[in-house]
């Protein structure tokens, strides 16, 4: 199964809807519409010190947070998902870091 891709260029990152969808438990065809509606939001953080050369890309939807860490080439190093089920995502889960 294809997990999608992450590409980095001068303008930022291009993350495949398949990857975001798999991380948030959504069908890939829903991801673009939800992004446009603002129902999926994201945060990009650049690594510093020992994390230099890495980027953390975090996506939020409803009660879920999906986070991937990529290198400068866009290769996925790690991924994690947190879901609070029917409960809302606590505000602290939306903060950087």
PDB file of N, CA and C in Angstrom:
ATOM      1  N   UNK A   1       0.843  -1.193   0.000  1.00  0.00           N
ATOM      2  CA  UNK A   1       0.000   0.000   0.000  1.00  0.00           C
ATOM      3  C   UNK A   1       0.882   1.248   0.000  1.00  0.00           C
ATOM      4  N   UNK A   2       0.557   2.210  -0.817  1.00  0.00           N
ATOM      5  CA  UNK A   2       1.310   3.446  -0.931  1.00  0.00           C
ATOM      6  C   UNK A   2       0.927   4.379   0.218  1.00  0.00           C
ATOM      7  N   UNK A   3       1.933   4.824   0.984  1.00  0.00           N
ATOM      8  CA  UNK A   3       1.680   5.736   2.101  1.00  0.00           C
ATOM      9  C   UNK A   3       1.728   7.190   1.693  1.00  0.00           C
ATOM     10  N   UNK A   4       1.994   7.484   0.424  1.00  0.00           N
ATOM     11  CA  UNK A   4       2.074   8.872  -0.003  1.00  0.00           C
ATOM     12  C   UNK A   4       3.488   9.392   0.092  1.00  0.00           C
ATOM     13  N   UNK A   5       3.627  10.694  -0.072  1.00  0.00           N
ATOM     14  CA  UNK A   5       4.951  11.297  -0.144  1.00  0.00           C
ATOM     15  C   UNK A   5       4.962  12.650   0.546  1.00  0.00           C
ATOM     16  N   UNK A   6       6.180  13.117   0.791  1.00  0.00           N
ATOM     17  CA  UNK A   6       6.415  14.479   1.270  1.00  0.00           C
ATOM     18  C   UNK A   6       7.500  15.045   0.372  1.00  0.00           C
ATOM     19  N   UNK A   7       7.253  16.219  -0.204  1.00  0.00           N
ATOM     20  CA  UNK A   7       8.258  16.913  -1.007  1.00  0.00           C
ATOM     21  C   UNK A   7       8.510  18.272  -0.376  1.00  0.00           C
ATOM     22  N   UNK A   8       9.755  18.663  -0.399  1.00  0.00           N
ATOM     23  CA  UNK A   8      10.129  19.983   0.110  1.00  0.00           C
ATOM     24  C   UNK A   8      10.702  20.790  -1.034  1.00  0.00           C
ATOM     25  N   UNK A   9      10.261  22.066  -1.117  1.00  0.00           N
ATOM     26  CA  UNK A   9      10.850  22.984  -2.083  1.00  0.00           C
ATOM     27  C   UNK A   9      10.985  24.348  -1.418  1.00  0.00           C
ATOM     28  N   UNK A  10      11.329  25.358  -2.181  1.00  0.00           N
ATOM     29  CA  UNK A  10      11.558  26.694  -1.630  1.00  0.00           C
ATOM     30  C   UNK A  10      10.312  27.283  -0.971  1.00  0.00           C
ATOM     31  N   UNK A  11       9.139  26.828  -1.397  1.00  0.00           N
ATOM     32  CA  UNK A  11       7.886  27.359  -0.852  1.00  0.00           C
ATOM     33  C   UNK A  11       7.381  26.614   0.371  1.00  0.00           C
ATOM     34  N   UNK A  12       7.978  25.483   0.704  1.00  0.00           N
ATOM     35  CA  UNK A  12       7.520  24.720   1.854  1.00  0.00           C
ATOM     36  C   UNK A  12       7.426  23.245   1.535  1.00  0.00           C
ATOM     37  N   UNK A  13       6.342  22.631   1.985  1.00  0.00           N
ATOM     38  CA  UNK A  13       6.167  21.192   1.837  1.00  0.00           C
ATOM     39  C   UNK A  13       4.903  20.877   1.061  1.00  0.00           C
ATOM     40  N   UNK A  14       4.973  19.800   0.307  1.00  0.00           N
ATOM     41  CA  UNK A  14       3.833  19.237  -0.397  1.00  0.00           C
ATOM     42  C   UNK A  14       3.662  17.830   0.178  1.00  0.00           C
ATOM     43  N   UNK A  15       2.565  17.618   0.896  1.00  0.00           N
ATOM     44  CA  UNK A  15       2.319  16.333   1.543  1.00  0.00           C
ATOM     45  C   UNK A  15       1.132  15.682   0.852  1.00  0.00           C
ATOM     46  N   UNK A  16       1.330  14.459   0.418  1.00  0.00           N
ATOM     47  CA  UNK A  16       0.298  13.718  -0.301  1.00  0.00           C
ATOM     48  C   UNK A  16      -0.930  13.481   0.584  1.00  0.00           C
ATOM     49  N   UNK A  17      -2.110  13.607  -0.015  1.00  0.00           N
ATOM     50  CA  UNK A  17      -3.368  13.403   0.705  1.00  0.00           C
ATOM     51  C   UNK A  17      -3.478  11.983   1.252  1.00  0.00           C
ATOM     52  N   UNK A  18      -2.836  11.013   0.591  1.00  0.00           N
ATOM     53  CA  UNK A  18      -2.863   9.640   1.083  1.00  0.00           C
ATOM     54  C   UNK A  18      -2.172   9.539   2.436  1.00  0.00           C
ATOM     55  N   UNK A  19      -1.045  10.215   2.580  1.00  0.00           N
ATOM     56  CA  UNK A  19      -0.296  10.203   3.836  1.00  0.00           C
ATOM     57  C   UNK A  19      -1.080  10.905   4.945  1.00  0.00           C
ATOM     58  N   UNK A  20      -1.612  12.081   4.649  1.00  0.00           N
ATOM     59  CA  UNK A  20      -2.398  12.812   5.654  1.00  0.00           C
ATOM     60  C   UNK A  20      -3.639  12.009   6.031  1.00  0.00           C
ATOM     61  N   UNK A  21      -4.313  11.478   5.028  1.00  0.00           N
ATOM     62  CA  UNK A  21      -5.522  10.697   5.289  1.00  0.00           C
ATOM     63  C   UNK A  21      -5.249   9.480   6.151  1.00  0.00           C
ATOM     64  N   UNK A  22      -4.171   8.756   5.848  1.00  0.00           N
ATOM     65  CA  UNK A  22      -3.863   7.568   6.650  1.00  0.00           C
ATOM     66  C   UNK A  22      -3.548   7.952   8.090  1.00  0.00           C
ATOM     67  N   UNK A  23      -2.901   9.089   8.274  1.00  0.00           N
ATOM     68  CA  UNK A  23      -2.553   9.531   9.620  1.00  0.00           C
ATOM     69  C   UNK A  23      -3.733  10.030  10.433  1.00  0.00           C
ATOM     70  N   UNK A  24      -4.723  10.593   9.752  1.00  0.00           N
ATOM     71  CA  UNK A  24      -5.886  11.132  10.458  1.00  0.00           C
ATOM     72  C   UNK A  24      -7.098  10.206  10.398  1.00  0.00           C
ATOM     73  N   UNK A  25      -6.949   9.068   9.737  1.00  0.00           N
ATOM     74  CA  UNK A  25      -8.062   8.134   9.634  1.00  0.00           C
ATOM     75  C   UNK A  25      -9.152   8.604   8.687  1.00  0.00           C
ATOM     76  N   UNK A  26      -8.735   9.276   7.605  1.00  0.00           N
ATOM     77  CA  UNK A  26      -9.679   9.822   6.625  1.00  0.00           C
ATOM     78  C   UNK A  26      -9.387   9.251   5.248  1.00  0.00           C
ATOM     79  N   UNK A  27     -10.407   9.188   4.420  1.00  0.00           N
ATOM     80  CA  UNK A  27     -10.205   8.813   3.029  1.00  0.00           C
ATOM     81  C   UNK A  27      -9.407   9.928   2.348  1.00  0.00           C
ATOM     82  N   UNK A  28      -8.399   9.580   1.545  1.00  0.00           N
ATOM     83  CA  UNK A  28      -7.574  10.604   0.898  1.00  0.00           C
ATOM     84  C   UNK A  28      -8.387  11.612   0.084  1.00  0.00           C
ATOM     85  N   UNK A  29      -9.468  11.159  -0.537  1.00  0.00           N
ATOM     86  CA  UNK A  29     -10.272  12.077  -1.349  1.00  0.00           C
ATOM     87  C   UNK A  29     -10.988  13.140  -0.520  1.00  0.00           C
ATOM     88  N   UNK A  30     -11.093  12.957   0.797  1.00  0.00           N
ATOM     89  CA  UNK A  30     -11.707  13.956   1.672  1.00  0.00           C
ATOM     90  C   UNK A  30     -10.706  15.020   2.146  1.00  0.00           C
ATOM     91  N   UNK A  31      -9.423  14.670   2.117  1.00  0.00           N
ATOM     92  CA  UNK A  31      -8.398  15.525   2.707  1.00  0.00           C
ATOM     93  C   UNK A  31      -8.348  16.907   2.065  1.00  0.00           C
ATOM     94  N   UNK A  32      -8.316  16.996   0.765  1.00  0.00           N
ATOM     95  CA  UNK A  32      -8.202  18.291   0.085  1.00  0.00           C
ATOM     96  C   UNK A  32      -9.377  19.189   0.434  1.00  0.00           C
ATOM     97  N   UNK A  33     -10.584  18.654   0.405  1.00  0.00           N
ATOM     98  CA  UNK A  33     -11.766  19.446   0.741  1.00  0.00           C
ATOM     99  C   UNK A  33     -11.714  19.922   2.187  1.00  0.00           C
ATOM    100  N   UNK A  34     -11.310  19.049   3.095  1.00  0.00           N
ATOM    101  CA  UNK A  34     -11.228  19.437   4.503  1.00  0.00           C
ATOM    102  C   UNK A  34     -10.149  20.484   4.741  1.00  0.00           C
ATOM    103  N   UNK A  35      -9.047  20.409   4.000  1.00  0.00           N
ATOM    104  CA  UNK A  35      -8.014  21.452   4.088  1.00  0.00           C
ATOM    105  C   UNK A  35      -8.570  22.795   3.616  1.00  0.00           C
ATOM    106  N   UNK A  36      -9.259  22.787   2.497  1.00  0.00           N
ATOM    107  CA  UNK A  36      -9.830  24.028   1.956  1.00  0.00           C
ATOM    108  C   UNK A  36     -10.860  24.634   2.901  1.00  0.00           C
ATOM    109  N   UNK A  37     -11.632  23.783   3.568  1.00  0.00           N
ATOM    110  CA  UNK A  37     -12.652  24.247   4.516  1.00  0.00           C
ATOM    111  C   UNK A  37     -12.052  24.717   5.833  1.00  0.00           C
ATOM    112  N   UNK A  38     -10.788  24.420   6.058  1.00  0.00           N
ATOM    113  CA  UNK A  38     -10.149  24.762   7.325  1.00  0.00           C
ATOM    114  C   UNK A  38     -10.428  23.743   8.415  1.00  0.00           C
ATOM    115  N   UNK A  39     -11.017  22.600   8.050  1.00  0.00           N
ATOM    116  CA  UNK A  39     -11.305  21.550   9.026  1.00  0.00           C
ATOM    117  C   UNK A  39     -10.053  20.744   9.367  1.00  0.00           C
ATOM    118  N   UNK A  40      -9.080  20.734   8.465  1.00  0.00           N
ATOM    119  CA  UNK A  40      -7.749  20.205   8.754  1.00  0.00           C
ATOM    120  C   UNK A  40      -6.814  21.409   8.766  1.00  0.00           C
ATOM    121  N   UNK A  41      -6.081  21.551   9.848  1.00  0.00           N
ATOM    122  CA  UNK A  41      -5.092  22.620   9.943  1.00  0.00           C
ATOM    123  C   UNK A  41      -3.717  21.977  10.132  1.00  0.00           C
ATOM    124  N   UNK A  42      -2.674  22.782   9.974  1.00  0.00           N
ATOM    125  CA  UNK A  42      -1.327  22.220  10.075  1.00  0.00           C
ATOM    126  C   UNK A  42      -0.367  23.195  10.724  1.00  0.00           C
ATOM    127  N   UNK A  43       0.751  22.638  11.144  1.00  0.00           N
ATOM    128  CA  UNK A  43       1.821  23.395  11.781  1.00  0.00           C
ATOM    129  C   UNK A  43       3.132  22.814  11.288  1.00  0.00           C
ATOM    130  N   UNK A  44       4.086  23.678  10.908  1.00  0.00           N
ATOM    131  CA  UNK A  44       5.406  23.249  10.461  1.00  0.00           C
ATOM    132  C   UNK A  44       6.433  23.831  11.419  1.00  0.00           C
ATOM    133  N   UNK A  45       7.336  22.955  11.900  1.00  0.00           N
ATOM    134  CA  UNK A  45       8.392  23.388  12.815  1.00  0.00           C
ATOM    135  C   UNK A  45       9.738  22.895  12.298  1.00  0.00           C
ATOM    136  N   UNK A  46      10.744  23.774  12.348  1.00  0.00           N
ATOM    137  CA  UNK A  46      12.096  23.423  11.920  1.00  0.00           C
ATOM    138  C   UNK A  46      12.898  22.989  13.143  1.00  0.00           C
ATOM    139  N   UNK A  47      13.612  21.872  12.991  1.00  0.00           N
ATOM    140  CA  UNK A  47      14.432  21.373  14.080  1.00  0.00           C
ATOM    141  C   UNK A  47      15.640  22.256  14.327  1.00  0.00           C
ATOM    142  N   UNK A  48      16.031  22.319  15.581  1.00  0.00           N
ATOM    143  CA  UNK A  48      17.203  23.092  15.980  1.00  0.00           C
ATOM    144  C   UNK A  48      18.151  22.195  16.759  1.00  0.00           C
ATOM    145  N   UNK A  49      19.419  22.625  16.851  1.00  0.00           N
ATOM    146  CA  UNK A  49      20.448  21.897  17.588  1.00  0.00           C
ATOM    147  C   UNK A  49      20.528  20.457  17.107  1.00  0.00           C
ATOM    148  N   UNK A  50      20.324  19.475  17.984  1.00  0.00           N
ATOM    149  CA  UNK A  50      20.456  18.068  17.582  1.00  0.00           C
ATOM    150  C   UNK A  50      19.402  17.642  16.565  1.00  0.00           C
ATOM    151  N   UNK A  51      18.340  18.433  16.400  1.00  0.00           N
ATOM    152  CA  UNK A  51      17.302  18.130  15.411  1.00  0.00           C
ATOM    153  C   UNK A  51      17.463  18.952  14.128  1.00  0.00           C
ATOM    154  N   UNK A  52      18.586  19.627  13.990  1.00  0.00           N
ATOM    155  CA  UNK A  52      18.842  20.412  12.779  1.00  0.00           C
ATOM    156  C   UNK A  52      18.772  19.501  11.559  1.00  0.00           C
ATOM    157  N   UNK A  53      18.137  19.992  10.497  1.00  0.00           N
ATOM    158  CA  UNK A  53      17.967  19.196   9.287  1.00  0.00           C
ATOM    159  C   UNK A  53      16.695  18.372   9.293  1.00  0.00           C
ATOM    160  N   UNK A  54      15.908  18.510  10.348  1.00  0.00           N
ATOM    161  CA  UNK A  54      14.633  17.800  10.445  1.00  0.00           C
ATOM    162  C   UNK A  54      13.493  18.807  10.545  1.00  0.00           C
ATOM    163  N   UNK A  55      12.348  18.375  10.111  1.00  0.00           N
ATOM    164  CA  UNK A  55      11.145  19.192  10.152  1.00  0.00           C
ATOM    165  C   UNK A  55      10.013  18.380  10.762  1.00  0.00           C
ATOM    166  N   UNK A  56       9.205  19.018  11.595  1.00  0.00           N
ATOM    167  CA  UNK A  56       8.032  18.354  12.161  1.00  0.00           C
ATOM    168  C   UNK A  56       6.795  18.977  11.523  1.00  0.00           C
ATOM    169  N   UNK A  57       6.005  18.143  10.849  1.00  0.00           N
ATOM    170  CA  UNK A  57       4.777  18.568  10.189  1.00  0.00           C
ATOM    171  C   UNK A  57       3.621  17.957  10.968  1.00  0.00           C
ATOM    172  N   UNK A  58       2.745  18.802  11.479  1.00  0.00           N
ATOM    173  CA  UNK A  58       1.645  18.326  12.312  1.00  0.00           C
ATOM    174  C   UNK A  58       0.330  18.735  11.676  1.00  0.00           C
ATOM    175  N   UNK A  59      -0.597  17.785  11.627  1.00  0.00           N
ATOM    176  CA  UNK A  59      -1.921  18.001  11.054  1.00  0.00           C
ATOM    177  C   UNK A  59      -2.969  17.724  12.124  1.00  0.00           C
ATOM    178  N   UNK A  60      -3.974  18.591  12.179  1.00  0.00           N
ATOM    179  CA  UNK A  60      -5.038  18.482  13.172  1.00  0.00           C
ATOM    180  C   UNK A  60      -6.382  18.347  12.471  1.00  0.00           C
ATOM    181  N   UNK A  61      -7.202  17.449  12.973  1.00  0.00           N
ATOM    182  CA  UNK A  61      -8.578  17.324  12.476  1.00  0.00           C
ATOM    183  C   UNK A  61      -9.444  16.780  13.608  1.00  0.00           C
ATOM    184  N   UNK A  62     -10.500  17.513  13.927  1.00  0.00           N
ATOM    185  CA  UNK A  62     -11.444  17.098  14.974  1.00  0.00           C
ATOM    186  C   UNK A  62     -10.669  16.725  16.235  1.00  0.00           C
ATOM    187  N   UNK A  63     -10.733  15.470  16.654  1.00  0.00           N
ATOM    188  CA  UNK A  63     -10.087  15.058  17.901  1.00  0.00           C
ATOM    189  C   UNK A  63      -8.763  14.329  17.665  1.00  0.00           C
ATOM    190  N   UNK A  64      -8.154  14.505  16.481  1.00  0.00           N
ATOM    191  CA  UNK A  64      -6.921  13.791  16.157  1.00  0.00           C
ATOM    192  C   UNK A  64      -5.785  14.742  15.782  1.00  0.00           C
ATOM    193  N   UNK A  65      -4.577  14.297  16.120  1.00  0.00           N
ATOM    194  CA  UNK A  65      -3.356  14.987  15.709  1.00  0.00           C
ATOM    195  C   UNK A  65      -2.451  13.953  15.056  1.00  0.00           C
ATOM    196  N   UNK A  66      -1.979  14.255  13.844  1.00  0.00           N
ATOM    197  CA  UNK A  66      -1.046  13.394  13.131  1.00  0.00           C
ATOM    198  C   UNK A  66       0.233  14.174  12.920  1.00  0.00           C
ATOM    199  N   UNK A  67       1.337  13.578  13.315  1.00  0.00           N
ATOM    200  CA  UNK A  67       2.627  14.267  13.231  1.00  0.00           C
ATOM    201  C   UNK A  67       3.619  13.385  12.481  1.00  0.00           C
ATOM    202  N   UNK A  68       4.329  14.003  11.531  1.00  0.00           N
ATOM    203  CA  UNK A  68       5.429  13.313  10.858  1.00  0.00           C
ATOM    204  C   UNK A  68       6.687  14.154  11.000  1.00  0.00           C
ATOM    205  N   UNK A  69       7.800  13.483  11.123  1.00  0.00           N
ATOM    206  CA  UNK A  69       9.102  14.139  11.149  1.00  0.00           C
ATOM    207  C   UNK A  69       9.802  13.715   9.865  1.00  0.00           C
ATOM    208  N   UNK A  70      10.309  14.711   9.124  1.00  0.00           N
ATOM    209  CA  UNK A  70      10.990  14.451   7.867  1.00  0.00           C
ATOM    210  C   UNK A  70      12.365  15.097   7.880  1.00  0.00           C
ATOM    211  N   UNK A  71      13.241  14.591   7.015  1.00  0.00           N
ATOM    212  CA  UNK A  71      14.551  15.222   6.861  1.00  0.00           C
ATOM    213  C   UNK A  71      14.459  16.297   5.778  1.00  0.00           C
ATOM    214  N   UNK A  72      15.576  16.931   5.478  1.00  0.00           N
ATOM    215  CA  UNK A  72      15.592  18.014   4.486  1.00  0.00           C
ATOM    216  C   UNK A  72      15.156  17.558   3.101  1.00  0.00           C
ATOM    217  N   UNK A  73      15.264  16.271   2.821  1.00  0.00           N
ATOM    218  CA  UNK A  73      14.879  15.736   1.520  1.00  0.00           C
ATOM    219  C   UNK A  73      13.403  15.323   1.484  1.00  0.00           C
ATOM    220  N   UNK A  74      12.728  15.397   2.628  1.00  0.00           N
ATOM    221  CA  UNK A  74      11.328  15.008   2.689  1.00  0.00           C
ATOM    222  C   UNK A  74      11.105  13.551   3.043  1.00  0.00           C
ATOM    223  N   UNK A  75      12.176  12.812   3.359  1.00  0.00           N
ATOM    224  CA  UNK A  75      12.030  11.409   3.760  1.00  0.00           C
ATOM    225  C   UNK A  75      11.428  11.343   5.161  1.00  0.00           C
ATOM    226  N   UNK A  76      10.406  10.515   5.319  1.00  0.00           N
ATOM    227  CA  UNK A  76       9.734  10.380   6.613  1.00  0.00           C
ATOM    228  C   UNK A  76      10.630   9.597   7.565  1.00  0.00           C
ATOM    229  N   UNK A  77      10.919  10.212   8.714  1.00  0.00           N
ATOM    230  CA  UNK A  77      11.745   9.595   9.749  1.00  0.00           C
ATOM    231  C   UNK A  77      10.856   8.914  10.779  1.00  0.00           C
ATOM    232  N   UNK A  78       9.782   9.592  11.151  1.00  0.00           N
ATOM    233  CA  UNK A  78       8.856   9.009  12.123  1.00  0.00           C
ATOM    234  C   UNK A  78       7.473   9.598  11.912  1.00  0.00           C
ATOM    235  N   UNK A  79       6.497   8.911  12.457  1.00  0.00           N
ATOM    236  CA  UNK A  79       5.117   9.385  12.416  1.00  0.00           C
ATOM    237  C   UNK A  79       4.420   8.945  13.682  1.00  0.00           C
ATOM    238  N   UNK A  80       3.455   9.759  14.100  1.00  0.00           N
ATOM    239  CA  UNK A  80       2.678   9.407  15.288  1.00  0.00           C
ATOM    240  C   UNK A  80       1.273   9.990  15.160  1.00  0.00           C
ATOM    241  N   UNK A  81       0.343   9.340  15.826  1.00  0.00           N
ATOM    242  CA  UNK A  81      -1.051   9.782  15.818  1.00  0.00           C
ATOM    243  C   UNK A  81      -1.588   9.730  17.228  1.00  0.00           C
ATOM    244  N   UNK A  82      -2.308  10.773  17.587  1.00  0.00           N
ATOM    245  CA  UNK A  82      -3.007  10.824  18.861  1.00  0.00           C
ATOM    246  C   UNK A  82      -4.461  11.122  18.541  1.00  0.00           C
ATOM    247  N   UNK A  83      -5.359  10.331  19.109  1.00  0.00           N
ATOM    248  CA  UNK A  83      -6.781  10.564  18.908  1.00  0.00           C
ATOM    249  C   UNK A  83      -7.488  10.492  20.247  1.00  0.00           C
ATOM    250  N   UNK A  84      -8.379  11.416  20.471  1.00  0.00           N
ATOM    251  CA  UNK A  84      -9.153  11.443  21.701  1.00  0.00           C
ATOM    252  C   UNK A  84     -10.573  10.931  21.469  1.00  0.00           C
ATOM    253  N   UNK A  85     -10.767  10.213  20.365  1.00  0.00           N
ATOM    254  CA  UNK A  85     -12.073   9.609  20.083  1.00  0.00           C
ATOM    255  C   UNK A  85     -13.161  10.655  19.956  1.00  0.00           C
ATOM    256  N   UNK A  86     -14.171  10.558  20.801  1.00  0.00           N
ATOM    257  CA  UNK A  86     -15.295  11.498  20.762  1.00  0.00           C
ATOM    258  C   UNK A  86     -15.020  12.785  21.529  1.00  0.00           C
ATOM    259  N   UNK A  87     -13.966  12.805  22.337  1.00  0.00           N
ATOM    260  CA  UNK A  87     -13.628  13.999  23.113  1.00  0.00           C
ATOM    261  C   UNK A  87     -12.864  14.974  22.234  1.00  0.00           C
ATOM    262  N   UNK A  88     -13.000  16.269  22.487  1.00  0.00           N
ATOM    263  CA  UNK A  88     -12.236  17.240  21.692  1.00  0.00           C
ATOM    264  C   UNK A  88     -10.751  17.153  21.979  1.00  0.00           C
ATOM    265  N   UNK A  89      -9.960  17.533  21.012  1.00  0.00           N
ATOM    266  CA  UNK A  89      -8.516  17.582  21.164  1.00  0.00           C
ATOM    267  C   UNK A  89      -8.186  18.693  22.160  1.00  0.00           C
ATOM    268  N   UNK A  90      -7.463  18.384  23.246  1.00  0.00           N
ATOM    269  CA  UNK A  90      -7.120  19.430  24.216  1.00  0.00           C
ATOM    270  C   UNK A  90      -6.281  20.532  23.563  1.00  0.00           C
ATOM    271  N   UNK A  91      -6.493  21.784  23.954  1.00  0.00           N
ATOM    272  CA  UNK A  91      -5.728  22.897  23.361  1.00  0.00           C
ATOM    273  C   UNK A  91      -4.216  22.704  23.452  1.00  0.00           C
ATOM    274  N   UNK A  92      -3.727  22.068  24.496  1.00  0.00           N
ATOM    275  CA  UNK A  92      -2.285  21.849  24.649  1.00  0.00           C
ATOM    276  C   UNK A  92      -1.725  20.979  23.521  1.00  0.00           C
ATOM    277  N   UNK A  93      -2.564  20.147  22.901  1.00  0.00           N
ATOM    278  CA  UNK A  93      -2.108  19.285  21.819  1.00  0.00           C
ATOM    279  C   UNK A  93      -1.906  20.061  20.524  1.00  0.00           C
ATOM    280  N   UNK A  94      -2.367  21.301  20.468  1.00  0.00           N
ATOM    281  CA  UNK A  94      -2.208  22.127  19.269  1.00  0.00           C
ATOM    282  C   UNK A  94      -0.996  23.052  19.345  1.00  0.00           C
ATOM    283  N   UNK A  95      -0.319  23.054  20.471  1.00  0.00           N
ATOM    284  CA  UNK A  95       0.846  23.926  20.642  1.00  0.00           C
ATOM    285  C   UNK A  95       2.089  23.326  19.993  1.00  0.00           C
ATOM    286  N   UNK A  96       2.989  24.190  19.518  1.00  0.00           N
ATOM    287  CA  UNK A  96       4.258  23.684  18.984  1.00  0.00           C
ATOM    288  C   UNK A  96       5.017  22.917  20.060  1.00  0.00           C
ATOM    289  N   UNK A  97       5.896  22.030  19.589  1.00  0.00           N
ATOM    290  CA  UNK A  97       6.782  21.324  20.529  1.00  0.00           C
ATOM    291  C   UNK A  97       6.368  19.974  20.918  1.00  0.00           C
TER     292      UNK A  97
END
